[in-house]
Amino acid sequence: MTTNCTRLIFVNLPVRDLKRSMAFFGQLGFTQNEICNTTKQTEGLFALSCSSRAEVDELVEKAVAAGGKHAMAPQDHGVMYGWSFYDPDGHHWEVMWMDPKTIQPQ
């Protein structure tokens, strides 16, 4: 990893009072960005775990039937399986299953 590169983090959080939140962060010197165009950029990536591969497939198909769109093709890594969809606002949802036998107890 390069040690002299600038690293950015973008966090999107719901707020109770938008004007108050904008004023607060403005006082800290932050600027506000426009709403993300989810057809060109990923605003956020959300992952949901499932109890089986079948549940992954079922949830993605339900999401597509409800108005979402397929994002990527299913990914089968043997001990981990995932598939993804975009919700109607373009948010990317990863749905995944991991074989519980591969998880090490802490």
PDB file of N, CA and C in Angstrom:
ATOM      1  N   MET A   1       0.854  -1.170   0.000  1.00  0.00           N
ATOM      2  CA  MET A   1       0.000   0.000   0.000  1.00  0.00           C
ATOM      3  C   MET A   1       0.903   1.236   0.000  1.00  0.00           C
ATOM      4  N   THR A   2       0.534   2.212  -0.798  1.00  0.00           N
ATOM      5  CA  THR A   2       1.266   3.472  -0.841  1.00  0.00           C
ATOM      6  C   THR A   2       0.951   4.274   0.419  1.00  0.00           C
ATOM      7  N   THR A   3       1.970   4.795   1.056  1.00  0.00           N
ATOM      8  CA  THR A   3       1.749   5.520   2.315  1.00  0.00           C
ATOM      9  C   THR A   3       1.519   7.009   2.128  1.00  0.00           C
ATOM     10  N   ASN A   4       1.786   7.547   0.930  1.00  0.00           N
ATOM     11  CA  ASN A   4       1.629   8.985   0.746  1.00  0.00           C
ATOM     12  C   ASN A   4       0.378   9.355  -0.052  1.00  0.00           C
ATOM     13  N   CYS A   5      -0.559   8.435  -0.215  1.00  0.00           N
ATOM     14  CA  CYS A   5      -1.777   8.761  -0.963  1.00  0.00           C
ATOM     15  C   CYS A   5      -2.843   9.328  -0.018  1.00  0.00           C
ATOM     16  N   THR A   6      -3.716  10.135  -0.570  1.00  0.00           N
ATOM     17  CA  THR A   6      -4.825  10.686   0.189  1.00  0.00           C
ATOM     18  C   THR A   6      -5.965   9.684   0.178  1.00  0.00           C
ATOM     19  N   ARG A   7      -6.531   9.419   1.319  1.00  0.00           N
ATOM     20  CA  ARG A   7      -7.649   8.489   1.425  1.00  0.00           C
ATOM     21  C   ARG A   7      -8.899   9.282   1.783  1.00  0.00           C
ATOM     22  N   LEU A   8      -9.984   9.017   1.085  1.00  0.00           N
ATOM     23  CA  LEU A   8     -11.255   9.693   1.345  1.00  0.00           C
ATOM     24  C   LEU A   8     -12.265   8.682   1.843  1.00  0.00           C
ATOM     25  N   ILE A   9     -13.195   9.118   2.653  1.00  0.00           N
ATOM     26  CA  ILE A   9     -14.319   8.290   3.061  1.00  0.00           C
ATOM     27  C   ILE A   9     -15.589   9.117   2.864  1.00  0.00           C
ATOM     28  N   PHE A  10     -16.582   8.483   2.309  1.00  0.00           N
ATOM     29  CA  PHE A  10     -17.859   9.148   2.068  1.00  0.00           C
ATOM     30  C   PHE A  10     -18.923   8.418   2.879  1.00  0.00           C
ATOM     31  N   VAL A  11     -19.555   9.120   3.778  1.00  0.00           N
ATOM     32  CA  VAL A  11     -20.552   8.522   4.653  1.00  0.00           C
ATOM     33  C   VAL A  11     -21.880   9.209   4.412  1.00  0.00           C
ATOM     34  N   ASN A  12     -22.906   8.417   4.215  1.00  0.00           N
ATOM     35  CA  ASN A  12     -24.265   8.939   4.041  1.00  0.00           C
ATOM     36  C   ASN A  12     -25.091   8.458   5.225  1.00  0.00           C
ATOM     37  N   LEU A  13     -25.629   9.405   5.993  1.00  0.00           N
ATOM     38  CA  LEU A  13     -26.401   9.069   7.174  1.00  0.00           C
ATOM     39  C   LEU A  13     -27.748   9.773   7.134  1.00  0.00           C
ATOM     40  N   PRO A  14     -28.800   9.106   7.611  1.00  0.00           N
ATOM     41  CA  PRO A  14     -30.073   9.807   7.729  1.00  0.00           C
ATOM     42  C   PRO A  14     -29.990  10.798   8.887  1.00  0.00           C
ATOM     43  N   VAL A  15     -30.704  11.899   8.757  1.00  0.00           N
ATOM     44  CA  VAL A  15     -30.722  12.914   9.816  1.00  0.00           C
ATOM     45  C   VAL A  15     -32.157  13.281  10.148  1.00  0.00           C
ATOM     46  N   ARG A  16     -32.380  13.739  11.376  1.00  0.00           N
ATOM     47  CA  ARG A  16     -33.721  14.137  11.795  1.00  0.00           C
ATOM     48  C   ARG A  16     -34.085  15.530  11.303  1.00  0.00           C
ATOM     49  N   ASP A  17     -33.098  16.425  11.290  1.00  0.00           N
ATOM     50  CA  ASP A  17     -33.332  17.817  10.908  1.00  0.00           C
ATOM     51  C   ASP A  17     -32.233  18.215   9.924  1.00  0.00           C
ATOM     52  N   LEU A  18     -32.549  18.206   8.629  1.00  0.00           N
ATOM     53  CA  LEU A  18     -31.550  18.435   7.591  1.00  0.00           C
ATOM     54  C   LEU A  18     -30.896  19.807   7.716  1.00  0.00           C
ATOM     55  N   LYS A  19     -31.679  20.856   7.915  1.00  0.00           N
ATOM     56  CA  LYS A  19     -31.103  22.203   8.016  1.00  0.00           C
ATOM     57  C   LYS A  19     -30.155  22.309   9.209  1.00  0.00           C
ATOM     58  N   ARG A  20     -30.554  21.750  10.349  1.00  0.00           N
ATOM     59  CA  ARG A  20     -29.699  21.793  11.538  1.00  0.00           C
ATOM     60  C   ARG A  20     -28.401  21.026  11.297  1.00  0.00           C
ATOM     61  N   SER A  21     -28.499  19.862  10.672  1.00  0.00           N
ATOM     62  CA  SER A  21     -27.315  19.054  10.386  1.00  0.00           C
ATOM     63  C   SER A  21     -26.367  19.770   9.426  1.00  0.00           C
ATOM     64  N   MET A  22     -26.920  20.393   8.374  1.00  0.00           N
ATOM     65  CA  MET A  22     -26.090  21.123   7.415  1.00  0.00           C
ATOM     66  C   MET A  22     -25.402  22.311   8.088  1.00  0.00           C
ATOM     67  N   ALA A  23     -26.115  23.011   8.964  1.00  0.00           N
ATOM     68  CA  ALA A  23     -25.522  24.147   9.679  1.00  0.00           C
ATOM     69  C   ALA A  23     -24.407  23.675  10.604  1.00  0.00           C
ATOM     70  N   PHE A  24     -24.633  22.571  11.297  1.00  0.00           N
ATOM     71  CA  PHE A  24     -23.631  22.032  12.209  1.00  0.00           C
ATOM     72  C   PHE A  24     -22.334  21.701  11.468  1.00  0.00           C
ATOM     73  N   PHE A  25     -22.441  20.924  10.388  1.00  0.00           N
ATOM     74  CA  PHE A  25     -21.232  20.531   9.664  1.00  0.00           C
ATOM     75  C   PHE A  25     -20.632  21.703   8.890  1.00  0.00           C
ATOM     76  N   GLY A  26     -21.451  22.679   8.511  1.00  0.00           N
ATOM     77  CA  GLY A  26     -20.923  23.896   7.900  1.00  0.00           C
ATOM     78  C   GLY A  26     -20.029  24.656   8.874  1.00  0.00           C
ATOM     79  N   GLN A  27     -20.427  24.678  10.151  1.00  0.00           N
ATOM     80  CA  GLN A  27     -19.617  25.329  11.181  1.00  0.00           C
ATOM     81  C   GLN A  27     -18.274  24.620  11.379  1.00  0.00           C
ATOM     82  N   LEU A  28     -18.220  23.342  11.013  1.00  0.00           N
ATOM     83  CA  LEU A  28     -16.974  22.581  11.118  1.00  0.00           C
ATOM     84  C   LEU A  28     -16.120  22.700   9.859  1.00  0.00           C
ATOM     85  N   GLY A  29     -16.650  23.409   8.861  1.00  0.00           N
ATOM     86  CA  GLY A  29     -15.884  23.632   7.642  1.00  0.00           C
ATOM     87  C   GLY A  29     -16.182  22.667   6.510  1.00  0.00           C
ATOM     88  N   PHE A  30     -17.182  21.811   6.683  1.00  0.00           N
ATOM     89  CA  PHE A  30     -17.528  20.866   5.633  1.00  0.00           C
ATOM     90  C   PHE A  30     -18.469  21.501   4.615  1.00  0.00           C
ATOM     91  N   THR A  31     -18.416  21.021   3.381  1.00  0.00           N
ATOM     92  CA  THR A  31     -19.354  21.452   2.344  1.00  0.00           C
ATOM     93  C   THR A  31     -20.298  20.301   2.036  1.00  0.00           C
ATOM     94  N   GLN A  32     -21.421  20.617   1.464  1.00  0.00           N
ATOM     95  CA  GLN A  32     -22.425  19.608   1.141  1.00  0.00           C
ATOM     96  C   GLN A  32     -22.303  19.199  -0.322  1.00  0.00           C
ATOM     97  N   ASN A  33     -22.418  17.906  -0.589  1.00  0.00           N
ATOM     98  CA  ASN A  33     -22.398  17.382  -1.958  1.00  0.00           C
ATOM     99  C   ASN A  33     -23.819  17.273  -2.477  1.00  0.00           C
ATOM    100  N   GLU A  34     -23.934  17.225  -3.786  1.00  0.00           N
ATOM    101  CA  GLU A  34     -25.238  16.971  -4.390  1.00  0.00           C
ATOM    102  C   GLU A  34     -25.599  15.508  -4.215  1.00  0.00           C
ATOM    103  N   ILE A  35     -26.850  15.175  -4.402  1.00  0.00           N
ATOM    104  CA  ILE A  35     -27.285  13.781  -4.301  1.00  0.00           C
ATOM    105  C   ILE A  35     -26.603  12.970  -5.389  1.00  0.00           C
ATOM    106  N   CYS A  36     -26.173  11.781  -5.040  1.00  0.00           N
ATOM    107  CA  CYS A  36     -25.447  10.896  -5.949  1.00  0.00           C
ATOM    108  C   CYS A  36     -26.352  10.433  -7.101  1.00  0.00           C
ATOM    109  N   ASN A  37     -25.806  10.431  -8.314  1.00  0.00           N
ATOM    110  CA  ASN A  37     -26.498   9.866  -9.468  1.00  0.00           C
ATOM    111  C   ASN A  37     -26.170   8.378  -9.494  1.00  0.00           C
ATOM    112  N   THR A  38     -27.082   7.555  -8.983  1.00  0.00           N
ATOM    113  CA  THR A  38     -26.798   6.134  -8.822  1.00  0.00           C
ATOM    114  C   THR A  38     -26.730   5.371 -10.141  1.00  0.00           C
ATOM    115  N   THR A  39     -27.045   6.021 -11.266  1.00  0.00           N
ATOM    116  CA  THR A  39     -26.867   5.343 -12.561  1.00  0.00           C
ATOM    117  C   THR A  39     -25.420   5.436 -13.024  1.00  0.00           C
ATOM    118  N   LYS A  40     -24.633   6.329 -12.400  1.00  0.00           N
ATOM    119  CA  LYS A  40     -23.238   6.511 -12.798  1.00  0.00           C
ATOM    120  C   LYS A  40     -22.244   6.212 -11.682  1.00  0.00           C
ATOM    121  N   GLN A  41     -22.692   6.268 -10.420  1.00  0.00           N
ATOM    122  CA  GLN A  41     -21.807   6.067  -9.280  1.00  0.00           C
ATOM    123  C   GLN A  41     -22.496   5.202  -8.240  1.00  0.00           C
ATOM    124  N   THR A  42     -21.709   4.553  -7.411  1.00  0.00           N
ATOM    125  CA  THR A  42     -22.260   3.785  -6.295  1.00  0.00           C
ATOM    126  C   THR A  42     -22.286   4.681  -5.076  1.00  0.00           C
ATOM    127  N   GLU A  43     -23.472   4.939  -4.563  1.00  0.00           N
ATOM    128  CA  GLU A  43     -23.629   5.779  -3.376  1.00  0.00           C
ATOM    129  C   GLU A  43     -23.214   5.012  -2.134  1.00  0.00           C
ATOM    130  N   GLY A  44     -23.577   3.778  -2.090  1.00  0.00           N
ATOM    131  CA  GLY A  44     -23.247   2.931  -0.951  1.00  0.00           C
ATOM    132  C   GLY A  44     -23.467   1.493  -1.371  1.00  0.00           C
ATOM    133  N   LEU A  45     -22.854   0.591  -0.673  1.00  0.00           N
ATOM    134  CA  LEU A  45     -23.011  -0.835  -0.945  1.00  0.00           C
ATOM    135  C   LEU A  45     -23.458  -1.475   0.360  1.00  0.00           C
ATOM    136  N   PHE A  46     -24.539  -2.189   0.307  1.00  0.00           N
ATOM    137  CA  PHE A  46     -25.126  -2.772   1.499  1.00  0.00           C
ATOM    138  C   PHE A  46     -25.126  -4.283   1.356  1.00  0.00           C
ATOM    139  N   ALA A  47     -24.767  -5.001   2.386  1.00  0.00           N
ATOM    140  CA  ALA A  47     -24.703  -6.458   2.336  1.00  0.00           C
ATOM    141  C   ALA A  47     -25.689  -7.058   3.331  1.00  0.00           C
ATOM    142  N   LEU A  48     -26.416  -8.058   2.864  1.00  0.00           N
ATOM    143  CA  LEU A  48     -27.372  -8.779   3.697  1.00  0.00           C
ATOM    144  C   LEU A  48     -26.948 -10.240   3.740  1.00  0.00           C
ATOM    145  N   SER A  49     -26.929 -10.834   4.912  1.00  0.00           N
ATOM    146  CA  SER A  49     -26.588 -12.251   5.007  1.00  0.00           C
ATOM    147  C   SER A  49     -27.859 -13.085   4.953  1.00  0.00           C
ATOM    148  N   CYS A  50     -27.702 -14.294   4.444  1.00  0.00           N
ATOM    149  CA  CYS A  50     -28.815 -15.237   4.355  1.00  0.00           C
ATOM    150  C   CYS A  50     -28.379 -16.563   4.958  1.00  0.00           C
ATOM    151  N   SER A  51     -29.353 -17.413   5.272  1.00  0.00           N
ATOM    152  CA  SER A  51     -29.049 -18.688   5.917  1.00  0.00           C
ATOM    153  C   SER A  51     -28.758 -19.808   4.926  1.00  0.00           C
ATOM    154  N   SER A  52     -28.959 -19.542   3.617  1.00  0.00           N
ATOM    155  CA  SER A  52     -28.693 -20.572   2.617  1.00  0.00           C
ATOM    156  C   SER A  52     -28.529 -19.937   1.243  1.00  0.00           C
ATOM    157  N   ARG A  53     -27.966 -20.710   0.311  1.00  0.00           N
ATOM    158  CA  ARG A  53     -27.863 -20.254  -1.074  1.00  0.00           C
ATOM    159  C   ARG A  53     -29.252 -20.022  -1.658  1.00  0.00           C
ATOM    160  N   ALA A  54     -30.168 -20.916  -1.325  1.00  0.00           N
ATOM    161  CA  ALA A  54     -31.529 -20.792  -1.841  1.00  0.00           C
ATOM    162  C   ALA A  54     -32.174 -19.490  -1.373  1.00  0.00           C
ATOM    163  N   GLU A  55     -31.903 -19.104  -0.132  1.00  0.00           N
ATOM    164  CA  GLU A  55     -32.462 -17.852   0.374  1.00  0.00           C
ATOM    165  C   GLU A  55     -31.873 -16.642  -0.350  1.00  0.00           C
ATOM    166  N   VAL A  56     -30.587 -16.723  -0.719  1.00  0.00           N
ATOM    167  CA  VAL A  56     -29.961 -15.656  -1.517  1.00  0.00           C
ATOM    168  C   VAL A  56     -30.730 -15.490  -2.820  1.00  0.00           C
ATOM    169  N   ASP A  57     -30.907 -16.595  -3.543  1.00  0.00           N
ATOM    170  CA  ASP A  57     -31.608 -16.553  -4.827  1.00  0.00           C
ATOM    171  C   ASP A  57     -33.037 -16.044  -4.670  1.00  0.00           C
ATOM    172  N   GLU A  58     -33.712 -16.528  -3.636  1.00  0.00           N
ATOM    173  CA  GLU A  58     -35.101 -16.119  -3.402  1.00  0.00           C
ATOM    174  C   GLU A  58     -35.205 -14.620  -3.143  1.00  0.00           C
ATOM    175  N   LEU A  59     -34.322 -14.082  -2.323  1.00  0.00           N
ATOM    176  CA  LEU A  59     -34.382 -12.661  -1.992  1.00  0.00           C
ATOM    177  C   LEU A  59     -34.074 -11.782  -3.203  1.00  0.00           C
ATOM    178  N   VAL A  60     -33.071 -12.163  -3.997  1.00  0.00           N
ATOM    179  CA  VAL A  60     -32.748 -11.371  -5.194  1.00  0.00           C
ATOM    180  C   VAL A  60     -33.903 -11.422  -6.192  1.00  0.00           C
ATOM    181  N   GLU A  61     -34.466 -12.593  -6.402  1.00  0.00           N
ATOM    182  CA  GLU A  61     -35.601 -12.693  -7.335  1.00  0.00           C
ATOM    183  C   GLU A  61     -36.808 -11.904  -6.846  1.00  0.00           C
ATOM    184  N   LYS A  62     -37.061 -11.904  -5.542  1.00  0.00           N
ATOM    185  CA  LYS A  62     -38.154 -11.093  -4.979  1.00  0.00           C
ATOM    186  C   LYS A  62     -37.899  -9.610  -5.217  1.00  0.00           C
ATOM    187  N   ALA A  63     -36.645  -9.189  -5.027  1.00  0.00           N
ATOM    188  CA  ALA A  63     -36.295  -7.784  -5.217  1.00  0.00           C
ATOM    189  C   ALA A  63     -36.513  -7.368  -6.673  1.00  0.00           C
ATOM    190  N   VAL A  64     -36.110  -8.212  -7.605  1.00  0.00           N
ATOM    191  CA  VAL A  64     -36.288  -7.903  -9.030  1.00  0.00           C
ATOM    192  C   VAL A  64     -37.780  -7.887  -9.386  1.00  0.00           C
ATOM    193  N   ALA A  65     -38.532  -8.838  -8.859  1.00  0.00           N
ATOM    194  CA  ALA A  65     -39.975  -8.888  -9.127  1.00  0.00           C
ATOM    195  C   ALA A  65     -40.692  -7.672  -8.546  1.00  0.00           C
ATOM    196  N   ALA A  66     -40.138  -7.099  -7.468  1.00  0.00           N
ATOM    197  CA  ALA A  66     -40.759  -5.939  -6.817  1.00  0.00           C
ATOM    198  C   ALA A  66     -40.355  -4.613  -7.459  1.00  0.00           C
ATOM    199  N   GLY A  67     -39.518  -4.656  -8.504  1.00  0.00           N
ATOM    200  CA  GLY A  67     -39.147  -3.420  -9.191  1.00  0.00           C
ATOM    201  C   GLY A  67     -37.670  -3.107  -9.181  1.00  0.00           C
ATOM    202  N   GLY A  68     -36.860  -3.961  -8.542  1.00  0.00           N
ATOM    203  CA  GLY A  68     -35.415  -3.776  -8.565  1.00  0.00           C
ATOM    204  C   GLY A  68     -34.833  -4.305  -9.862  1.00  0.00           C
ATOM    205  N   LYS A  69     -33.510  -4.240  -9.986  1.00  0.00           N
ATOM    206  CA  LYS A  69     -32.820  -4.742 -11.173  1.00  0.00           C
ATOM    207  C   LYS A  69     -31.629  -5.577 -10.738  1.00  0.00           C
ATOM    208  N   HIS A  70     -31.316  -6.595 -11.536  1.00  0.00           N
ATOM    209  CA  HIS A  70     -30.117  -7.381 -11.251  1.00  0.00           C
ATOM    210  C   HIS A  70     -28.904  -6.473 -11.355  1.00  0.00           C
ATOM    211  N   ALA A  71     -27.950  -6.648 -10.442  1.00  0.00           N
ATOM    212  CA  ALA A  71     -26.714  -5.858 -10.478  1.00  0.00           C
ATOM    213  C   ALA A  71     -25.600  -6.676 -11.123  1.00  0.00           C
ATOM    214  N   MET A  72     -25.172  -7.722 -10.476  1.00  0.00           N
ATOM    215  CA  MET A  72     -24.096  -8.566 -10.991  1.00  0.00           C
ATOM    216  C   MET A  72     -24.591 -10.007 -11.062  1.00  0.00           C
ATOM    217  N   ALA A  73     -23.886 -10.820 -11.819  1.00  0.00           N
ATOM    218  CA  ALA A  73     -24.208 -12.244 -11.892  1.00  0.00           C
ATOM    219  C   ALA A  73     -23.897 -12.897 -10.546  1.00  0.00           C
ATOM    220  N   PRO A  74     -24.554 -14.019 -10.234  1.00  0.00           N
ATOM    221  CA  PRO A  74     -24.231 -14.719  -8.986  1.00  0.00           C
ATOM    222  C   PRO A  74     -22.746 -15.072  -8.929  1.00  0.00           C
ATOM    223  N   GLN A  75     -22.193 -15.005  -7.733  1.00  0.00           N
ATOM    224  CA  GLN A  75     -20.783 -15.324  -7.494  1.00  0.00           C
ATOM    225  C   GLN A  75     -20.722 -16.524  -6.558  1.00  0.00           C
ATOM    226  N   ASP A  76     -20.169 -17.627  -7.054  1.00  0.00           N
ATOM    227  CA  ASP A  76     -20.063 -18.842  -6.248  1.00  0.00           C
ATOM    228  C   ASP A  76     -18.598 -19.119  -5.948  1.00  0.00           C
ATOM    229  N   HIS A  77     -18.231 -18.990  -4.668  1.00  0.00           N
ATOM    230  CA  HIS A  77     -16.852 -19.213  -4.240  1.00  0.00           C
ATOM    231  C   HIS A  77     -16.756 -20.466  -3.366  1.00  0.00           C
ATOM    232  N   GLY A  78     -17.696 -21.371  -3.534  1.00  0.00           N
ATOM    233  CA  GLY A  78     -17.682 -22.608  -2.752  1.00  0.00           C
ATOM    234  C   GLY A  78     -18.211 -22.396  -1.348  1.00  0.00           C
ATOM    235  N   VAL A  79     -17.407 -21.834  -0.477  1.00  0.00           N
ATOM    236  CA  VAL A  79     -17.824 -21.610   0.915  1.00  0.00           C
ATOM    237  C   VAL A  79     -18.584 -20.304   1.085  1.00  0.00           C
ATOM    238  N   MET A  80     -18.683 -19.533   0.007  1.00  0.00           N
ATOM    239  CA  MET A  80     -19.410 -18.269   0.037  1.00  0.00           C
ATOM    240  C   MET A  80     -20.127 -18.090  -1.299  1.00  0.00           C
ATOM    241  N   TYR A  81     -21.367 -17.648  -1.224  1.00  0.00           N
ATOM    242  CA  TYR A  81     -22.182 -17.466  -2.417  1.00  0.00           C
ATOM    243  C   TYR A  81     -22.897 -16.128  -2.299  1.00  0.00           C
ATOM    244  N   GLY A  82     -22.926 -15.374  -3.380  1.00  0.00           N
ATOM    245  CA  GLY A  82     -23.614 -14.094  -3.343  1.00  0.00           C
ATOM    246  C   GLY A  82     -24.208 -13.712  -4.681  1.00  0.00           C
ATOM    247  N   TRP A  83     -25.151 -12.821  -4.612  1.00  0.00           N
ATOM    248  CA  TRP A  83     -25.810 -12.269  -5.788  1.00  0.00           C
ATOM    249  C   TRP A  83     -26.214 -10.862  -5.397  1.00  0.00           C
ATOM    250  N   SER A  84     -26.501 -10.008  -6.356  1.00  0.00           N
ATOM    251  CA  SER A  84     -26.800  -8.625  -5.980  1.00  0.00           C
ATOM    252  C   SER A  84     -27.894  -8.031  -6.848  1.00  0.00           C
ATOM    253  N   PHE A  85     -28.491  -6.952  -6.318  1.00  0.00           N
ATOM    254  CA  PHE A  85     -29.534  -6.229  -7.051  1.00  0.00           C
ATOM    255  C   PHE A  85     -29.444  -4.747  -6.734  1.00  0.00           C
ATOM    256  N   TYR A  86     -30.059  -3.952  -7.605  1.00  0.00           N
ATOM    257  CA  TYR A  86     -30.239  -2.520  -7.354  1.00  0.00           C
ATOM    258  C   TYR A  86     -31.684  -2.304  -6.942  1.00  0.00           C
ATOM    259  N   ASP A  87     -31.901  -1.513  -5.905  1.00  0.00           N
ATOM    260  CA  ASP A  87     -33.278  -1.175  -5.536  1.00  0.00           C
ATOM    261  C   ASP A  87     -33.777  -0.079  -6.488  1.00  0.00           C
ATOM    262  N   PRO A  88     -35.054   0.323  -6.408  1.00  0.00           N
ATOM    263  CA  PRO A  88     -35.582   1.324  -7.346  1.00  0.00           C
ATOM    264  C   PRO A  88     -34.852   2.668  -7.331  1.00  0.00           C
ATOM    265  N   ASP A  89     -34.123   2.984  -6.239  1.00  0.00           N
ATOM    266  CA  ASP A  89     -33.349   4.220  -6.187  1.00  0.00           C
ATOM    267  C   ASP A  89     -31.919   4.033  -6.666  1.00  0.00           C
ATOM    268  N   GLY A  90     -31.573   2.816  -7.079  1.00  0.00           N
ATOM    269  CA  GLY A  90     -30.249   2.547  -7.598  1.00  0.00           C
ATOM    270  C   GLY A  90     -29.222   2.138  -6.562  1.00  0.00           C
ATOM    271  N   HIS A  91     -29.642   1.919  -5.308  1.00  0.00           N
ATOM    272  CA  HIS A  91     -28.708   1.460  -4.292  1.00  0.00           C
ATOM    273  C   HIS A  91     -28.350  -0.004  -4.547  1.00  0.00           C
ATOM    274  N   HIS A  92     -27.083  -0.320  -4.378  1.00  0.00           N
ATOM    275  CA  HIS A  92     -26.560  -1.657  -4.660  1.00  0.00           C
ATOM    276  C   HIS A  92     -26.630  -2.513  -3.395  1.00  0.00           C
ATOM    277  N   TRP A  93     -27.338  -3.624  -3.470  1.00  0.00           N
ATOM    278  CA  TRP A  93     -27.502  -4.545  -2.347  1.00  0.00           C
ATOM    279  C   TRP A  93     -26.835  -5.869  -2.684  1.00  0.00           C
ATOM    280  N   GLU A  94     -25.886  -6.290  -1.854  1.00  0.00           N
ATOM    281  CA  GLU A  94     -25.246  -7.595  -1.977  1.00  0.00           C
ATOM    282  C   GLU A  94     -25.962  -8.544  -1.024  1.00  0.00           C
ATOM    283  N   VAL A  95     -26.349  -9.697  -1.540  1.00  0.00           N
ATOM    284  CA  VAL A  95     -27.010 -10.709  -0.725  1.00  0.00           C
ATOM    285  C   VAL A  95     -26.075 -11.907  -0.708  1.00  0.00           C
ATOM    286  N   MET A  96     -25.685 -12.364   0.488  1.00  0.00           N
ATOM    287  CA  MET A  96     -24.670 -13.405   0.535  1.00  0.00           C
ATOM    288  C   MET A  96     -24.947 -14.461   1.598  1.00  0.00           C
ATOM    289  N   TRP A  97     -24.393 -15.632   1.319  1.00  0.00           N
ATOM    290  CA  TRP A  97     -24.403 -16.754   2.263  1.00  0.00           C
ATOM    291  C   TRP A  97     -22.970 -17.208   2.449  1.00  0.00           C
ATOM    292  N   MET A  98     -22.595 -17.508   3.682  1.00  0.00           N
ATOM    293  CA  MET A  98     -21.271 -18.056   3.975  1.00  0.00           C
ATOM    294  C   MET A  98     -21.462 -19.349   4.758  1.00  0.00           C
ATOM    295  N   ASP A  99     -20.752 -20.388   4.359  1.00  0.00           N
ATOM    296  CA  ASP A  99     -20.835 -21.675   5.034  1.00  0.00           C
ATOM    297  C   ASP A  99     -20.429 -21.494   6.489  1.00  0.00           C
ATOM    298  N   PRO A 100     -21.337 -21.791   7.440  1.00  0.00           N
ATOM    299  CA  PRO A 100     -21.021 -21.569   8.843  1.00  0.00           C
ATOM    300  C   PRO A 100     -19.830 -22.406   9.329  1.00  0.00           C
ATOM    301  N   LYS A 101     -19.513 -23.490   8.651  1.00  0.00           N
ATOM    302  CA  LYS A 101     -18.370 -24.328   9.054  1.00  0.00           C
ATOM    303  C   LYS A 101     -17.052 -23.605   8.853  1.00  0.00           C
ATOM    304  N   THR A 102     -17.028 -22.585   7.985  1.00  0.00           N
ATOM    305  CA  THR A 102     -15.775 -21.884   7.703  1.00  0.00           C
ATOM    306  C   THR A 102     -15.521 -20.727   8.665  1.00  0.00           C
ATOM    307  N   ILE A 103     -16.510 -20.375   9.452  1.00  0.00           N
ATOM    308  CA  ILE A 103     -16.357 -19.264  10.393  1.00  0.00           C
ATOM    309  C   ILE A 103     -15.672 -19.776  11.651  1.00  0.00           C
ATOM    310  N   GLN A 104     -14.549 -19.192  11.971  1.00  0.00           N
ATOM    311  CA  GLN A 104     -13.785 -19.599  13.160  1.00  0.00           C
ATOM    312  C   GLN A 104     -14.392 -18.977  14.412  1.00  0.00           C
ATOM    313  N   PRO A 105     -14.574 -19.763  15.474  1.00  0.00           N
ATOM    314  CA  PRO A 105     -15.037 -19.147  16.730  1.00  0.00           C
ATOM    315  C   PRO A 105     -13.976 -18.225  17.294  1.00  0.00           C
ATOM    316  N   GLN A 106     -14.396 -17.128  17.899  1.00  0.00           N
ATOM    317  CA  GLN A 106     -13.460 -16.142  18.455  1.00  0.00           C
ATOM    318  C   GLN A 106     -12.902 -16.606  19.778  1.00  0.00           C
TER     319      GLN A 106
END
